[in-house]
Amino acid sequence: MEKRTMKPLYAKDKRDACIIVAVNHRKYDLGDIDEILENQGLTKLSKGIE
């Protein structure tokens, strides 16, 4: 089994900043965060998840 690690969010990265703002506004639903990212022209979190 492969262990995956994720890098910490970096506020100066536009995609990470959008995720930080969404969580700070208590938006925890993946669909809501994906919509925000998509509206900004950024890669969705759920990309590749089927």
Foldseek 3Di string as FASTA:
>chain_A
DDDDDDDDQDCVDPLSVLVVVCVVVVNPDQVVSQVSQVVVVHDRPCVPPD
